[in-house]
Amino acid sequence: MSKVRVRYAPSPTGYLHIGGARSALFNYLYAKKFDGDFVFRVEDTDIERNIEGAEESQYNDLVWLGVIPDESPLNPVEKYAPYRQTEKLELYRQYAYKLVEMGYAYECFCTEDELAEMKENQLASGVKSFKYNRHCLNLTKEEKEKYLAEGRKPSIRIKMEANVDLGFDDLVRGPVKFNSSDIGDFVILKSNGIPTYNFAVVIDDHIMEITHVLRGEEHLSNTPKQLQIYKYFGWEPPKFGHMTIIVNQNGKKLSKRDNNIIQFVSQYRKLGYLPEAILNFLLLLGWTPEDNKEIFTLDEAVKAFDPARLSSSPSMFDDSKLTWINSHYIKNLSDEKYFEFILPFLKKVEKLQDRDEEELKNIALIYKEEISYGEQIVELVSQLFKDSYELTDEEKEFVNSENSKLVCSLFAKKVENCEVSKDSLKNLFKEIQNETGLKGKDLYMPIRLKLTGVEHGVELYNIVRIIGKEEAIKRAIM
């Protein structure tokens, strides 16, 4: 059996999407499970839509996640190079014309306007799915010369076989049926010399000896076209597996235009999500472990990965689950690693600019059990330094009651001469309880609302530590 070789082949027209990251992860796991190679290849022929820096960004995000390619434009193997499609345009042209010579493809001189008219005529006659009418299939030498004299540049179309089975056994879905008669003569090389996706990907996968292709469900309809090309060249196709679509919580296919869900890895990095957490979440997005375990390291995922357990049902993107997984990983960081992770976020809080590192570490650790992602600490700590708080009518009535005023007044007097520690604050509230007879919500809530404007949060002594005694007294009696 040949060595397993899989690939992730993004287009640099954007940044690493959560769906692309999942595809890369499953290909990586497949390679590592079977001692194979994971290849990062770039499909950059959509030149007008390519974004500067997108390739580098996608690669860096993969490496950050831990999905590290064995081969890439940065780490090429000479036998398989180059790894960018724009660097081998002449190669595609040669293969396309080889099919022409073999009688499996032909030059097409039809203009866009002529093709549009052809499509309109087919629609008018009840044909819903356009198929090229083979106008240029049997052009004479003179007709070709006439078109060339007019300045027309030919594209190349594959000549599809009639009524041939192009089905295959999908690694995820099982047997999938396609018939060649349902597919028209599609373009494999555009008139500008750029190969189409379905042609270039076959050449690339063959040259790079790709053995298995795990990709999104949207590519399912491309597979029979690619199988036809493999057949014409007499090449062994890779094994294909098409992963289920990702849907939002309403059951609709995840769209990059859906602004209700953060969908790019770079955005999660910026917000302070850990790579281990994102990877763990992606693993469960379309794959089910045997024991329903939810927390996996990458090494554990490699050992547990079984492609037979890839789901054929839509995978729901549950951002609350991602947040839960991320909070789990944050809580399990060592204090040193946690502080290293959270410090860049904590430094964004303007009111903490003059605090030394030891003080920042103490503040950071207060929130270790509270936060779900790094950026959240900015919001939580900044909340403590607001000039004023908006209370509900019910909260206003509560803090303005005689009991609440009494508690706040006693707190302000006692905290002035009190050491700010957990035990000292505990004793302080014990004294207030003994003097007033108040307890529970009536004892603690007035102070919390006065100091923070919210009913819940970190322990009160920690709040006093962060804002300082002077500020705490000022807020308690205002």
Protein backbone atom coordinates (compact mmCIF):
# COMPACT_ATOMS: atom_id res chain seq x y z
CA MET A 1 0.00 0.00 0.00
CA SER A 2 1.33 3.47 -0.89
CA LYS A 3 2.07 5.96 1.88
CA VAL A 4 -0.94 8.00 2.99
CA ARG A 5 -0.70 11.56 1.71
CA VAL A 6 -3.44 14.12 2.33
CA ARG A 7 -3.65 17.84 1.70
CA TYR A 8 -5.30 21.05 2.75
CA ALA A 9 -5.44 23.36 -0.27
CA PRO A 10 -6.89 26.78 0.58
CA SER A 11 -7.43 29.70 -1.72
CA PRO A 12 -5.75 32.91 -0.47
CA THR A 13 -8.93 34.90 -1.12
CA GLY A 14 -9.58 35.14 2.62
CA TYR A 15 -8.44 34.07 6.05
CA LEU A 16 -8.69 30.72 7.83
CA HIS A 17 -12.39 29.98 8.24
CA ILE A 18 -13.63 27.62 10.92
CA GLY A 19 -14.80 25.21 8.18
CA GLY A 20 -11.39 25.27 6.52
CA ALA A 21 -9.68 24.72 9.85
CA ARG A 22 -11.89 21.67 10.44
CA SER A 23 -11.00 20.24 7.03
CA ALA A 24 -7.31 20.81 7.74
CA LEU A 25 -7.61 19.15 11.15
CA PHE A 26 -9.35 16.01 9.88
CA ASN A 27 -6.83 15.66 7.06
CA TYR A 28 -4.01 16.12 9.56
CA LEU A 29 -5.50 13.50 11.90
CA TYR A 30 -5.94 11.06 9.02
CA ALA A 31 -2.30 11.51 8.01
CA LYS A 32 -0.93 11.10 11.52
CA LYS A 33 -3.22 8.17 12.32
CA PHE A 34 -1.78 6.21 9.39
CA ASP A 35 1.82 7.54 9.53
CA GLY A 36 1.28 9.70 6.46
CA ASP A 37 2.10 13.21 5.26
CA PHE A 38 -0.03 16.33 5.59
CA VAL A 39 0.48 18.78 2.71
CA PHE A 40 -0.37 22.49 2.64
CA ARG A 41 -0.94 23.53 -0.98
CA VAL A 42 -2.18 26.87 -2.32
CA GLU A 43 -4.91 27.25 -4.96
CA ASP A 44 -4.17 30.84 -5.92
CA THR A 45 -5.43 31.04 -9.51
CA ASP A 46 -8.36 33.34 -8.63
CA ILE A 47 -5.87 36.18 -8.95
CA GLU A 48 -8.33 39.09 -8.83
CA ARG A 49 -9.80 37.91 -5.52
CA ASN A 50 -6.51 36.97 -3.83
CA ILE A 51 -5.81 39.00 -0.69
CA GLU A 52 -2.27 40.03 0.17
CA GLY A 53 -1.10 38.20 3.27
CA ALA A 54 -3.96 35.69 3.26
CA GLU A 55 -1.78 32.69 2.46
CA GLU A 56 0.68 33.58 5.21
CA SER A 57 -2.19 34.23 7.64
CA GLN A 58 -3.84 30.88 6.94
CA TYR A 59 -0.57 29.01 7.29
CA ASN A 60 0.33 30.78 10.55
CA ASP A 61 -3.10 30.14 12.03
CA LEU A 62 -2.79 26.43 11.24
CA VAL A 63 0.63 26.28 12.89
CA TRP A 64 -0.77 28.20 15.89
CA LEU A 65 -3.49 25.56 16.19
CA GLY A 66 -0.87 22.82 16.13
CA VAL A 67 -1.92 21.50 12.71
CA ILE A 68 1.58 21.73 11.29
CA PRO A 69 2.08 20.76 7.61
CA ASP A 70 4.81 18.31 6.70
CA GLU A 71 5.12 20.06 3.32
CA SER A 72 4.24 23.55 2.13
CA PRO A 73 5.63 26.40 0.01
CA LEU A 74 7.81 27.14 3.06
CA ASN A 75 8.88 23.51 3.45
CA PRO A 76 8.78 21.99 -0.04
CA VAL A 77 9.82 18.56 -1.21
CA GLU A 78 11.48 19.02 -4.60
CA LYS A 79 9.72 15.99 -6.07
CA TYR A 80 6.31 17.59 -5.49
CA ALA A 81 7.09 21.31 -5.89
CA PRO A 82 5.89 23.89 -6.63
CA TYR A 83 3.07 24.18 -4.09
CA ARG A 84 1.31 27.20 -5.59
CA GLN A 85 -0.87 26.80 -8.69
CA THR A 86 0.22 30.08 -10.26
CA GLU A 87 3.77 28.71 -10.40
CA LYS A 88 2.78 25.83 -12.72
CA LEU A 89 0.39 27.34 -15.28
CA GLU A 90 2.44 25.98 -18.16
CA LEU A 91 2.16 22.49 -16.70
CA TYR A 92 -1.66 22.69 -16.66
CA ARG A 93 -1.64 23.92 -20.25
CA GLN A 94 0.47 20.97 -21.32
CA TYR A 95 -1.82 18.46 -19.63
CA ALA A 96 -4.93 20.14 -21.10
CA TYR A 97 -3.58 19.94 -24.64
CA LYS A 98 -2.52 16.37 -24.02
CA LEU A 99 -6.20 15.55 -23.50
CA VAL A 100 -6.97 17.41 -26.75
CA GLU A 101 -4.42 15.26 -28.58
CA MET A 102 -5.96 12.13 -27.06
CA GLY A 103 -9.41 13.18 -28.28
CA TYR A 104 -10.79 13.65 -24.75
CA ALA A 105 -10.97 17.47 -24.89
CA TYR A 106 -11.38 20.20 -27.50
CA GLU A 107 -10.88 23.89 -28.06
CA CYS A 108 -13.93 26.09 -27.57
CA PHE A 109 -14.11 29.56 -29.14
CA CYS A 110 -17.57 30.55 -27.83
CA THR A 111 -17.74 34.01 -26.27
CA GLU A 112 -19.42 34.81 -22.96
CA ASP A 113 -22.32 36.43 -24.82
CA GLU A 114 -22.81 33.34 -26.99
CA LEU A 115 -22.73 31.09 -23.93
CA ALA A 116 -25.25 33.33 -22.14
CA GLU A 117 -27.59 33.16 -25.15
CA MET A 118 -27.18 29.37 -25.24
CA LYS A 119 -28.11 29.20 -21.56
CA GLU A 120 -31.19 31.41 -22.05
CA ASN A 121 -32.40 29.24 -24.93
CA GLN A 122 -32.03 26.10 -22.83
CA LEU A 123 -33.90 27.67 -19.92
CA ALA A 124 -36.68 28.76 -22.29
CA SER A 125 -37.01 25.19 -23.54
CA GLY A 126 -37.33 23.84 -19.99
CA VAL A 127 -33.72 22.75 -19.36
CA LYS A 128 -32.93 23.72 -15.76
CA SER A 129 -29.29 22.68 -15.59
CA PHE A 130 -27.22 24.21 -18.39
CA LYS A 131 -25.04 21.93 -20.49
CA TYR A 132 -22.78 23.16 -23.28
CA ASN A 133 -24.25 22.22 -26.70
CA ARG A 134 -20.88 21.15 -28.19
CA HIS A 135 -20.94 23.87 -30.83
CA CYS A 136 -17.13 23.76 -31.05
CA LEU A 137 -16.65 20.00 -30.76
CA ASN A 138 -16.01 19.30 -34.44
CA LEU A 139 -14.74 22.60 -35.79
CA THR A 140 -12.76 22.44 -39.03
CA LYS A 141 -9.27 23.85 -39.33
CA GLU A 142 -10.67 26.75 -41.36
CA GLU A 143 -13.31 27.56 -38.73
CA LYS A 144 -10.66 27.63 -36.01
CA GLU A 145 -8.44 29.91 -38.08
CA LYS A 146 -11.40 32.24 -38.69
CA TYR A 147 -12.07 32.50 -34.94
CA LEU A 148 -8.39 33.10 -34.25
CA ALA A 149 -8.31 35.83 -36.91
CA GLU A 150 -11.21 37.49 -35.08
CA GLY A 151 -9.01 37.65 -32.00
CA ARG A 152 -10.79 34.91 -30.12
CA LYS A 153 -8.70 32.86 -27.70
CA PRO A 154 -9.93 29.32 -27.11
CA SER A 155 -10.73 27.71 -23.82
CA ILE A 156 -10.48 23.92 -23.55
CA ARG A 157 -13.46 21.76 -22.69
CA ILE A 158 -13.48 18.15 -21.55
CA LYS A 159 -15.46 15.82 -23.80
CA MET A 160 -17.68 13.94 -21.38
CA GLU A 161 -18.51 10.31 -22.03
CA ALA A 162 -22.16 9.42 -22.45
CA ASN A 163 -24.04 7.37 -19.86
CA VAL A 164 -21.03 6.19 -17.86
CA ASP A 165 -21.06 5.48 -14.13
CA LEU A 166 -18.91 7.98 -12.25
CA GLY A 167 -20.00 6.89 -8.80
CA PHE A 168 -17.59 6.15 -5.96
CA ASP A 169 -17.44 4.87 -2.39
CA ASP A 170 -17.28 7.95 -0.16
CA LEU A 171 -15.25 7.60 3.04
CA VAL A 172 -17.99 9.42 4.96
CA ARG A 173 -21.22 8.70 3.08
CA GLY A 174 -20.65 5.31 1.55
CA PRO A 175 -21.69 4.62 -2.08
CA VAL A 176 -22.48 7.79 -4.07
CA LYS A 177 -23.96 7.57 -7.59
CA PHE A 178 -23.30 9.89 -10.52
CA ASN A 179 -23.83 9.47 -14.25
CA SER A 180 -21.71 11.22 -16.88
CA SER A 181 -24.80 12.09 -18.96
CA ASP A 182 -25.86 14.58 -16.27
CA ILE A 183 -22.65 16.56 -16.70
CA GLY A 184 -21.93 18.82 -19.65
CA ASP A 185 -18.60 19.43 -21.35
CA PHE A 186 -17.04 21.68 -18.75
CA VAL A 187 -14.07 24.00 -19.23
CA ILE A 188 -10.72 22.72 -17.93
CA LEU A 189 -8.54 25.59 -19.18
CA LYS A 190 -9.87 29.13 -19.53
CA SER A 191 -9.06 31.29 -22.55
CA ASN A 192 -6.62 33.30 -20.39
CA GLY A 193 -4.59 30.15 -19.67
CA ILE A 194 -5.82 29.71 -16.10
CA PRO A 195 -6.96 26.17 -15.24
CA THR A 196 -10.36 25.64 -13.63
CA TYR A 197 -10.56 24.17 -10.15
CA ASN A 198 -11.71 20.73 -11.25
CA PHE A 199 -8.81 20.35 -13.65
CA ALA A 200 -5.99 21.86 -11.59
CA VAL A 201 -6.90 19.86 -8.49
CA VAL A 202 -6.62 16.58 -10.40
CA ILE A 203 -3.20 17.47 -11.81
CA ASP A 204 -2.02 18.65 -8.39
CA ASP A 205 -3.30 15.60 -6.51
CA HIS A 206 -1.78 13.23 -9.07
CA ILE A 207 1.64 14.91 -9.16
CA MET A 208 1.75 15.14 -5.37
CA GLU A 209 0.65 11.51 -4.99
CA ILE A 210 -2.32 12.42 -2.80
CA THR A 211 -4.00 9.22 -1.63
CA HIS A 212 -6.99 10.51 0.34
CA VAL A 213 -9.08 13.67 0.05
CA LEU A 214 -11.25 14.78 2.97
CA ARG A 215 -13.18 17.93 2.09
CA GLY A 216 -16.48 19.70 2.55
CA GLU A 217 -19.82 18.48 1.24
CA GLU A 218 -19.96 21.38 -1.23
CA HIS A 219 -17.31 19.58 -3.30
CA LEU A 220 -19.39 16.42 -3.70
CA SER A 221 -20.74 17.45 -7.12
CA ASN A 222 -17.19 18.20 -8.33
CA THR A 223 -16.02 14.65 -7.74
CA PRO A 224 -17.53 12.98 -10.85
CA LYS A 225 -15.94 15.66 -13.06
CA GLN A 226 -12.59 14.94 -11.48
CA LEU A 227 -13.10 11.18 -11.79
CA GLN A 228 -13.68 11.62 -15.54
CA ILE A 229 -10.33 13.40 -15.85
CA TYR A 230 -8.57 10.69 -13.83
CA LYS A 231 -10.12 8.09 -16.12
CA TYR A 232 -8.98 9.83 -19.31
CA PHE A 233 -5.40 10.06 -18.07
CA GLY A 234 -5.47 6.49 -16.79
CA TRP A 235 -4.53 7.63 -13.27
CA GLU A 236 -5.62 6.07 -9.98
CA PRO A 237 -7.87 8.59 -8.17
CA PRO A 238 -7.52 9.19 -4.43
CA LYS A 239 -10.15 8.00 -1.97
CA PHE A 240 -12.69 10.78 -1.42
CA GLY A 241 -14.57 11.67 1.74
CA HIS A 242 -17.04 14.54 1.95
CA MET A 243 -17.66 15.95 5.40
CA THR A 244 -21.04 17.23 6.42
CA ILE A 245 -21.93 20.90 6.21
CA ILE A 246 -21.74 23.09 9.31
CA VAL A 247 -25.03 24.70 10.31
CA ASN A 248 -25.92 27.47 12.74
CA GLN A 249 -28.26 26.99 15.68
CA ASN A 250 -31.26 27.56 13.40
CA GLY A 251 -30.20 24.60 11.27
CA LYS A 252 -29.16 26.78 8.32
CA LYS A 253 -25.85 26.34 6.51
CA LEU A 254 -23.16 28.47 8.08
CA SER A 255 -22.60 31.49 5.87
CA LYS A 256 -19.55 33.74 6.01
CA ARG A 257 -22.01 36.62 5.87
CA ASP A 258 -23.64 35.48 9.13
CA ASN A 259 -22.41 38.12 11.55
CA ASN A 260 -24.02 36.42 14.54
CA ILE A 261 -21.19 33.88 14.69
CA ILE A 262 -17.46 34.55 14.76
CA GLN A 263 -16.11 32.34 11.99
CA PHE A 264 -12.41 33.05 11.47
CA VAL A 265 -9.57 31.60 13.52
CA SER A 266 -7.71 34.93 13.56
CA GLN A 267 -10.73 36.52 15.29
CA TYR A 268 -10.71 33.86 18.01
CA ARG A 269 -6.97 34.37 18.49
CA LYS A 270 -7.53 38.09 18.95
CA LEU A 271 -10.32 37.49 21.47
CA GLY A 272 -8.13 35.23 23.57
CA TYR A 273 -9.24 31.72 22.72
CA LEU A 274 -6.63 29.02 23.22
CA PRO A 275 -5.52 26.94 20.21
CA GLU A 276 -6.08 23.71 22.15
CA ALA A 277 -9.69 24.69 22.81
CA ILE A 278 -10.47 25.60 19.19
CA LEU A 279 -8.86 22.37 18.02
CA ASN A 280 -10.86 20.37 20.55
CA PHE A 281 -14.09 22.05 19.45
CA LEU A 282 -13.36 21.43 15.75
CA LEU A 283 -12.66 17.77 16.48
CA LEU A 284 -16.20 17.31 17.77
CA LEU A 285 -17.71 19.24 14.84
CA GLY A 286 -18.60 16.28 12.66
CA TRP A 287 -16.77 13.45 14.42
CA THR A 288 -17.97 11.37 17.36
CA PRO A 289 -15.55 9.50 19.64
CA GLU A 290 -16.53 6.01 20.77
CA ASP A 291 -16.85 6.88 24.46
CA ASN A 292 -18.42 10.36 23.98
CA LYS A 293 -15.36 11.92 25.59
CA GLU A 294 -15.27 15.68 25.07
CA ILE A 295 -11.81 16.90 26.08
CA PHE A 296 -8.90 15.81 23.88
CA THR A 297 -5.29 16.83 23.45
CA LEU A 298 -4.03 16.69 19.87
CA ASP A 299 -2.06 13.51 20.59
CA GLU A 300 -5.16 11.91 22.12
CA ALA A 301 -7.18 12.97 19.07
CA VAL A 302 -4.69 11.27 16.73
CA LYS A 303 -4.90 8.01 18.70
CA ALA A 304 -8.70 8.12 18.95
CA PHE A 305 -9.42 9.29 15.41
CA ASP A 306 -11.41 6.84 13.31
CA PRO A 307 -12.59 8.16 9.93
CA ALA A 308 -15.49 5.71 10.08
CA ARG A 309 -16.93 7.85 12.88
CA LEU A 310 -17.11 11.01 10.76
CA SER A 311 -20.74 12.09 10.75
CA SER A 312 -22.91 12.22 7.62
CA SER A 313 -25.42 14.50 9.39
CA PRO A 314 -25.05 18.30 9.55
CA SER A 315 -22.79 19.56 12.34
CA MET A 316 -24.16 22.39 14.47
CA PHE A 317 -21.81 25.22 15.34
CA ASP A 318 -22.57 25.74 19.03
CA ASP A 319 -20.53 28.77 20.08
CA SER A 320 -21.56 28.28 23.71
CA LYS A 321 -19.86 24.88 23.65
CA LEU A 322 -16.71 26.42 22.19
CA THR A 323 -16.73 29.00 24.99
CA TRP A 324 -17.21 26.26 27.60
CA ILE A 325 -14.32 24.24 26.18
CA ASN A 326 -12.13 27.34 26.14
CA SER A 327 -12.95 28.19 29.75
CA HIS A 328 -12.04 24.59 30.69
CA TYR A 329 -8.61 24.98 29.10
CA ILE A 330 -8.05 28.38 30.74
CA LYS A 331 -8.88 26.97 34.19
CA ASN A 332 -6.42 24.12 33.63
CA LEU A 333 -3.49 26.37 32.75
CA SER A 334 -0.78 26.65 35.39
CA ASP A 335 -0.84 30.04 37.12
CA GLU A 336 2.36 31.01 35.29
CA LYS A 337 1.02 30.01 31.87
CA TYR A 338 -2.29 31.69 32.64
CA PHE A 339 -0.61 34.97 33.57
CA GLU A 340 1.53 34.85 30.43
CA PHE A 341 -1.64 34.33 28.39
CA ILE A 342 -3.79 36.97 30.12
CA LEU A 343 -1.23 39.77 30.66
CA PRO A 344 -1.56 41.33 27.15
CA PHE A 345 -5.31 41.64 27.73
CA LEU A 346 -4.97 42.99 31.27
CA LYS A 347 -2.60 45.68 30.02
CA LYS A 348 -5.44 47.06 27.91
CA VAL A 349 -7.21 48.24 31.08
CA GLU A 350 -6.26 51.90 31.35
CA LYS A 351 -6.72 52.11 35.12
CA LEU A 352 -4.14 49.35 35.65
CA GLN A 353 -1.30 51.05 33.76
CA ASP A 354 0.54 52.03 36.94
CA ARG A 355 0.23 48.64 38.67
CA ASP A 356 3.37 46.51 39.01
CA GLU A 357 3.59 42.97 37.62
CA GLU A 358 2.99 41.28 40.98
CA GLU A 359 -0.20 43.28 41.49
CA LEU A 360 -1.33 42.52 37.94
CA LYS A 361 -0.72 38.83 38.58
CA ASN A 362 -2.89 38.95 41.70
CA ILE A 363 -5.66 40.68 39.78
CA ALA A 364 -5.37 38.22 36.90
CA LEU A 365 -5.67 35.22 39.20
CA ILE A 366 -8.86 36.64 40.71
CA TYR A 367 -10.53 36.12 37.33
CA LYS A 368 -9.01 32.78 36.37
CA GLU A 369 -12.18 30.90 37.31
CA GLU A 370 -14.45 33.62 35.95
CA ILE A 371 -13.40 34.19 32.36
CA SER A 372 -14.18 32.17 29.24
CA TYR A 373 -11.74 33.99 26.91
CA GLY A 374 -8.92 36.48 27.29
CA GLU A 375 -10.60 39.66 26.10
CA GLN A 376 -13.37 39.13 28.66
CA ILE A 377 -11.06 40.18 31.51
CA VAL A 378 -10.79 43.66 29.95
CA GLU A 379 -14.54 44.10 30.16
CA LEU A 380 -14.82 42.64 33.68
CA VAL A 381 -12.02 44.70 35.19
CA SER A 382 -12.93 47.89 33.31
CA GLN A 383 -16.45 47.52 34.72
CA LEU A 384 -14.98 48.13 38.19
CA PHE A 385 -13.57 51.51 37.17
CA LYS A 386 -16.70 53.04 35.68
CA ASP A 387 -17.51 56.56 36.91
CA SER A 388 -21.15 55.63 37.45
CA TYR A 389 -23.45 52.64 37.21
CA GLU A 390 -26.96 52.30 35.84
CA LEU A 391 -29.15 50.49 38.35
CA THR A 392 -32.64 49.17 37.70
CA ASP A 393 -35.54 50.80 39.56
CA GLU A 394 -35.72 47.77 41.83
CA GLU A 395 -31.99 47.95 42.60
CA LYS A 396 -32.20 51.69 43.28
CA GLU A 397 -35.04 51.13 45.72
CA PHE A 398 -33.02 48.41 47.44
CA VAL A 399 -29.77 50.41 47.90
CA ASN A 400 -31.72 53.47 49.06
CA SER A 401 -33.52 51.58 51.83
CA GLU A 402 -32.61 52.42 55.42
CA ASN A 403 -31.03 49.00 56.00
CA SER A 404 -28.83 49.33 52.92
CA LYS A 405 -27.73 52.83 53.87
CA LEU A 406 -26.81 51.59 57.34
CA VAL A 407 -24.76 48.68 55.95
CA CYS A 408 -22.91 50.96 53.51
CA SER A 409 -22.17 53.52 56.22
CA LEU A 410 -20.76 50.89 58.60
CA PHE A 411 -18.75 49.31 55.78
CA ALA A 412 -17.17 52.67 54.90
CA LYS A 413 -16.16 53.36 58.51
CA LYS A 414 -14.80 49.90 59.23
CA VAL A 415 -12.91 49.29 55.97
CA GLU A 416 -10.87 52.47 56.43
CA ASN A 417 -8.86 50.87 59.22
CA CYS A 418 -9.09 47.33 57.91
CA GLU A 419 -6.43 45.28 56.14
CA VAL A 420 -7.61 44.23 52.68
CA SER A 421 -7.53 40.46 52.98
CA LYS A 422 -10.10 37.71 52.74
CA ASP A 423 -10.17 37.05 56.48
CA SER A 424 -10.27 40.74 57.42
CA LEU A 425 -13.22 41.48 55.11
CA LYS A 426 -14.98 38.36 56.38
CA ASN A 427 -14.61 39.60 59.97
CA LEU A 428 -15.73 43.09 58.90
CA PHE A 429 -19.02 41.76 57.54
CA LYS A 430 -19.41 39.60 60.64
CA GLU A 431 -19.22 42.74 62.76
CA ILE A 432 -21.80 44.52 60.58
CA GLN A 433 -24.07 41.48 60.82
CA ASN A 434 -23.81 41.46 64.63
CA GLU A 435 -24.50 45.19 64.86
CA THR A 436 -27.45 45.27 62.44
CA GLY A 437 -28.90 41.78 62.56
CA LEU A 438 -28.86 41.74 58.77
CA LYS A 439 -27.50 38.82 56.74
CA GLY A 440 -27.44 37.28 53.26
CA LYS A 441 -28.57 39.53 50.47
CA ASP A 442 -29.41 42.39 52.85
CA LEU A 443 -25.85 42.35 54.16
CA TYR A 444 -23.74 41.88 51.03
CA MET A 445 -25.84 43.15 48.11
CA PRO A 446 -25.89 46.85 49.06
CA ILE A 447 -22.06 46.93 49.06
CA ARG A 448 -21.77 44.96 45.82
CA LEU A 449 -24.23 47.22 44.00
CA LYS A 450 -22.53 50.35 45.31
CA LEU A 451 -19.06 49.12 44.38
CA THR A 452 -19.78 47.44 41.03
CA GLY A 453 -23.31 48.21 39.84
CA VAL A 454 -24.04 44.49 39.35
CA GLU A 455 -25.50 41.83 41.64
CA HIS A 456 -22.96 39.09 40.97
CA GLY A 457 -19.24 38.75 40.39
CA VAL A 458 -15.94 38.05 42.09
CA GLU A 459 -15.67 38.14 45.88
CA LEU A 460 -16.04 41.55 47.49
CA TYR A 461 -12.59 41.54 49.11
CA ASN A 462 -11.09 41.11 45.63
CA ILE A 463 -13.07 44.07 44.35
CA VAL A 464 -11.71 46.20 47.20
CA ARG A 465 -8.18 44.96 46.37
CA ILE A 466 -8.54 46.06 42.77
CA ILE A 467 -10.19 49.48 43.19
CA GLY A 468 -8.49 50.30 46.49
CA LYS A 469 -9.91 51.20 49.90
CA GLU A 470 -10.23 54.92 49.16
CA GLU A 471 -12.38 54.29 46.09
CA ALA A 472 -14.42 51.64 47.91
CA ILE A 473 -15.24 54.06 50.73
CA LYS A 474 -16.13 56.81 48.28
CA ARG A 475 -18.55 54.56 46.38
CA ALA A 476 -20.10 53.08 49.53
CA ILE A 477 -21.23 56.46 50.87
CA MET A 478 -22.02 58.29 47.62
